[in-house]
Amino acid sequence: MLGLLGADASGPKERVGLGDGDRESAPSWTELLLDLTSRGLAQAPAWAIGDGALGCWQALRHVDGQPRWQRGGVQKTATGLAKLPQDLQAQAQQRLQAIWMAPDRQRAAMAFDLCMAPYEAKYPKAADCLAHDREELLALDACPAEPWGHMRTTNPIASTFATVRVRTDKTRGGLSRVTMLAMVCKREQSAAQRWPR
């Protein structure tokens, strides 16, 4: 399942695209983005926030040029923490959150360096995991500060899909494509009532 939320300057988030695809491949994302254009999306996104799904970023470059993009902090935190021993994860999580919650790029960059320093020598895989996406993790500097709280994560989509995943695990094989899309759409409509502006 592929999902796109959109927001404009007035604030509310809205589902603008929902579809199924062959994994999270560039052709699947391209098809969804071209569908948006065919339904009247006149202005390409100025900013995109997502997880590490490379197909999405390739499709955005192909269809909409070069929008700025930001890696979701929650997903990257989980990926980086998984490469550390369990007893270090709580402290590392606090250090990582200091990056995402920094009020500006300068302090985020400083928090990034402080976060990485204790782990580089002994846990290079964890340090490399974070360093790999440094620019994408610190990309919010080019965006006005007001929407940062909404741009740090892709949780509105991930949490919607998580509730659907629970239901589909129980009915494995019993849902058609149309039923699956309808279920995701209804769960998203319900979740949207709790999305902050």
Protein backbone atom coordinates (compact mmCIF):
# COMPACT_ATOMS: atom_id res chain seq x y z
CA MET A 1 0.00 0.00 0.00
CA LEU A 2 1.26 3.45 -0.93
CA GLY A 3 -0.14 6.54 0.74
CA LEU A 4 0.37 10.26 0.32
CA LEU A 5 -0.79 12.99 2.67
CA GLY A 6 -0.70 16.61 1.70
CA ALA A 7 -0.95 19.90 3.52
CA ASP A 8 -0.97 23.50 2.44
CA ALA A 9 -0.27 26.72 4.32
CA SER A 10 -3.70 26.72 5.99
CA GLY A 11 -2.74 23.65 7.99
CA PRO A 12 -4.97 20.60 7.75
CA LYS A 13 -3.52 17.35 6.44
CA GLU A 14 -5.47 15.47 3.80
CA ARG A 15 -5.05 12.18 2.03
CA VAL A 16 -4.22 13.02 -1.57
CA GLY A 17 -3.18 9.64 -2.86
CA LEU A 18 -3.72 6.01 -1.99
CA GLY A 19 -2.86 2.99 -4.04
CA ASP A 20 -1.31 -0.40 -4.13
CA GLY A 21 1.86 -1.26 -5.89
CA ASP A 22 4.64 -3.70 -6.47
CA ARG A 23 6.46 -3.16 -3.18
CA GLU A 24 7.65 0.44 -2.81
CA SER A 25 9.20 0.55 -6.26
CA ALA A 26 9.78 3.65 -8.36
CA PRO A 27 7.26 2.54 -11.03
CA SER A 28 4.55 2.06 -8.37
CA TRP A 29 5.21 5.48 -6.86
CA THR A 30 5.40 7.06 -10.32
CA GLU A 31 1.97 5.64 -11.15
CA LEU A 32 0.51 7.12 -7.95
CA LEU A 33 2.12 10.53 -8.55
CA LEU A 34 0.95 10.63 -12.17
CA ASP A 35 -2.55 9.77 -10.95
CA LEU A 36 -2.43 12.87 -8.73
CA THR A 37 -1.45 14.98 -11.72
CA SER A 38 -4.24 13.52 -13.84
CA ARG A 39 -6.74 14.32 -11.07
CA GLY A 40 -5.73 17.98 -11.07
CA LEU A 41 -2.70 18.45 -8.83
CA ALA A 42 -1.45 21.65 -10.42
CA GLN A 43 1.52 22.45 -8.22
CA ALA A 44 4.31 19.96 -7.53
CA PRO A 45 5.14 19.40 -3.87
CA ALA A 46 7.70 21.81 -2.48
CA TRP A 47 8.61 19.44 0.32
CA ALA A 48 8.36 15.69 0.88
CA ILE A 49 8.74 13.70 4.07
CA GLY A 50 9.10 9.94 4.02
CA ASP A 51 10.93 6.86 5.12
CA GLY A 52 13.82 5.27 3.28
CA ALA A 53 11.67 4.04 0.39
CA LEU A 54 14.01 4.91 -2.44
CA GLY A 55 11.35 4.27 -5.04
CA CYS A 56 9.39 7.24 -3.75
CA TRP A 57 12.33 9.63 -4.06
CA GLN A 58 13.18 8.38 -7.55
CA ALA A 59 9.56 8.84 -8.63
CA LEU A 60 9.38 12.36 -7.14
CA ARG A 61 12.49 13.40 -9.07
CA HIS A 62 11.08 11.89 -12.27
CA VAL A 63 7.56 13.33 -11.99
CA ASP A 64 7.94 16.56 -10.01
CA GLY A 65 11.54 17.61 -10.44
CA GLN A 66 13.54 18.11 -7.26
CA PRO A 67 11.35 18.77 -4.25
CA ARG A 68 13.23 19.08 -0.96
CA TRP A 69 12.85 15.99 1.14
CA GLN A 70 13.23 15.02 4.76
CA ARG A 71 13.70 11.56 6.24
CA GLY A 72 11.17 10.74 8.94
CA GLY A 73 12.98 10.79 12.29
CA VAL A 74 10.99 7.99 13.89
CA GLN A 75 11.92 5.43 11.25
CA LYS A 76 15.57 6.44 11.19
CA THR A 77 15.72 6.32 15.01
CA ALA A 78 14.39 2.76 15.02
CA THR A 79 16.85 1.68 12.31
CA GLY A 80 19.84 3.23 14.09
CA LEU A 81 18.86 1.91 17.52
CA ALA A 82 18.55 -1.63 16.20
CA LYS A 83 22.29 -1.56 15.46
CA LEU A 84 23.19 -0.81 19.10
CA PRO A 85 23.21 -3.13 22.13
CA GLN A 86 19.97 -3.08 24.12
CA ASP A 87 21.53 -1.42 27.19
CA LEU A 88 22.66 1.61 25.12
CA GLN A 89 19.42 2.16 23.24
CA ALA A 90 17.60 4.37 25.80
CA GLN A 91 20.47 6.86 26.00
CA ALA A 92 20.96 6.80 22.23
CA GLN A 93 17.25 7.42 21.69
CA GLN A 94 17.43 10.60 23.80
CA ARG A 95 20.43 11.77 21.78
CA LEU A 96 18.63 11.06 18.50
CA GLN A 97 15.50 12.88 19.63
CA ALA A 98 17.62 15.94 20.37
CA ILE A 99 18.43 16.03 16.65
CA TRP A 100 14.80 15.87 15.50
CA MET A 101 13.60 18.33 18.12
CA ALA A 102 16.30 20.95 17.63
CA PRO A 103 14.87 24.41 16.89
CA ASP A 104 17.22 25.12 13.98
CA ARG A 105 19.74 23.45 11.69
CA GLN A 106 22.80 24.66 13.57
CA ARG A 107 21.64 23.07 16.82
CA ALA A 108 20.43 19.96 14.98
CA ALA A 109 23.88 19.56 13.39
CA MET A 110 25.53 19.98 16.79
CA ALA A 111 23.16 17.40 18.32
CA PHE A 112 23.92 15.06 15.41
CA ASP A 113 27.66 15.26 16.05
CA LEU A 114 27.19 14.78 19.81
CA CYS A 115 24.95 11.80 19.16
CA MET A 116 27.42 10.08 16.86
CA ALA A 117 30.62 10.68 18.84
CA PRO A 118 30.20 8.00 21.55
CA TYR A 119 29.32 5.25 19.05
CA GLU A 120 31.62 5.79 16.07
CA ALA A 121 34.56 3.76 17.36
CA LYS A 122 32.79 0.84 19.02
CA TYR A 123 29.56 0.66 16.97
CA PRO A 124 30.46 1.80 13.45
CA LYS A 125 27.36 0.20 11.87
CA ALA A 126 25.06 2.36 14.00
CA ALA A 127 27.14 5.49 13.30
CA ASP A 128 27.28 4.73 9.56
CA CYS A 129 23.53 4.15 9.47
CA LEU A 130 22.91 7.67 10.75
CA ALA A 131 25.72 9.35 8.85
CA HIS A 132 24.40 7.88 5.58
CA ASP A 133 21.29 10.09 5.73
CA ARG A 134 22.71 13.12 7.54
CA GLU A 135 21.65 15.70 4.93
CA GLU A 136 18.15 14.25 4.60
CA LEU A 137 17.80 14.16 8.39
CA LEU A 138 18.83 17.80 8.71
CA ALA A 139 16.92 19.09 5.69
CA LEU A 140 14.29 21.10 7.58
CA ASP A 141 16.48 24.19 7.58
CA ALA A 142 15.11 25.28 4.21
CA CYS A 143 11.51 25.17 5.40
CA PRO A 144 9.75 27.74 7.62
CA ALA A 145 9.78 26.63 11.28
CA GLU A 146 5.99 26.61 11.84
CA PRO A 147 5.24 23.20 10.26
CA TRP A 148 8.34 21.39 11.58
CA GLY A 149 6.37 19.48 14.19
CA HIS A 150 4.32 17.88 11.44
CA MET A 151 7.26 17.29 9.13
CA ARG A 152 9.48 15.29 11.43
CA THR A 153 7.61 12.03 10.99
CA THR A 154 5.48 9.94 8.69
CA ASN A 155 3.48 8.53 11.62
CA PRO A 156 0.04 9.61 10.34
CA ILE A 157 0.48 7.21 7.43
CA ALA A 158 2.41 4.52 9.32
CA SER A 159 -0.08 4.36 12.19
CA THR A 160 -2.99 4.08 9.76
CA PHE A 161 -1.33 1.21 7.93
CA ALA A 162 -0.43 -0.46 11.25
CA THR A 163 -4.11 -0.78 12.19
CA VAL A 164 -4.87 -2.22 8.77
CA ARG A 165 -1.97 -4.66 9.07
CA VAL A 166 -3.43 -6.01 12.33
CA ARG A 167 -6.73 -6.67 10.62
CA THR A 168 -5.23 -8.20 7.48
CA ASP A 169 -3.00 -10.53 9.50
CA LYS A 170 -6.18 -12.02 10.97
CA THR A 171 -7.85 -12.48 7.56
CA ARG A 172 -4.82 -13.44 5.50
CA GLY A 173 -5.81 -14.14 1.96
CA GLY A 174 -9.43 -13.19 2.48
CA LEU A 175 -9.30 -9.62 1.18
CA SER A 176 -9.50 -8.48 -2.40
CA ARG A 177 -7.53 -5.51 -3.71
CA VAL A 178 -10.64 -3.31 -3.65
CA THR A 179 -11.55 -4.37 -0.09
CA MET A 180 -8.00 -3.64 1.08
CA LEU A 181 -8.01 -0.15 -0.47
CA ALA A 182 -11.43 0.55 1.05
CA MET A 183 -10.24 -0.58 4.50
CA VAL A 184 -7.18 1.67 4.35
CA CYS A 185 -9.30 4.57 3.15
CA LYS A 186 -11.81 4.15 6.03
CA ARG A 187 -9.06 3.76 8.66
CA GLU A 188 -7.37 6.88 7.34
CA GLN A 189 -10.62 8.86 7.46
CA SER A 190 -11.06 7.82 11.08
CA ALA A 191 -7.43 8.66 11.97
CA ALA A 192 -7.62 12.02 10.19
CA GLN A 193 -9.98 13.33 12.86
CA ARG A 194 -7.07 13.17 15.33
CA TRP A 195 -4.36 14.63 13.09
CA PRO A 196 -3.15 18.00 14.39
CA ARG A 197 -3.39 20.97 12.03
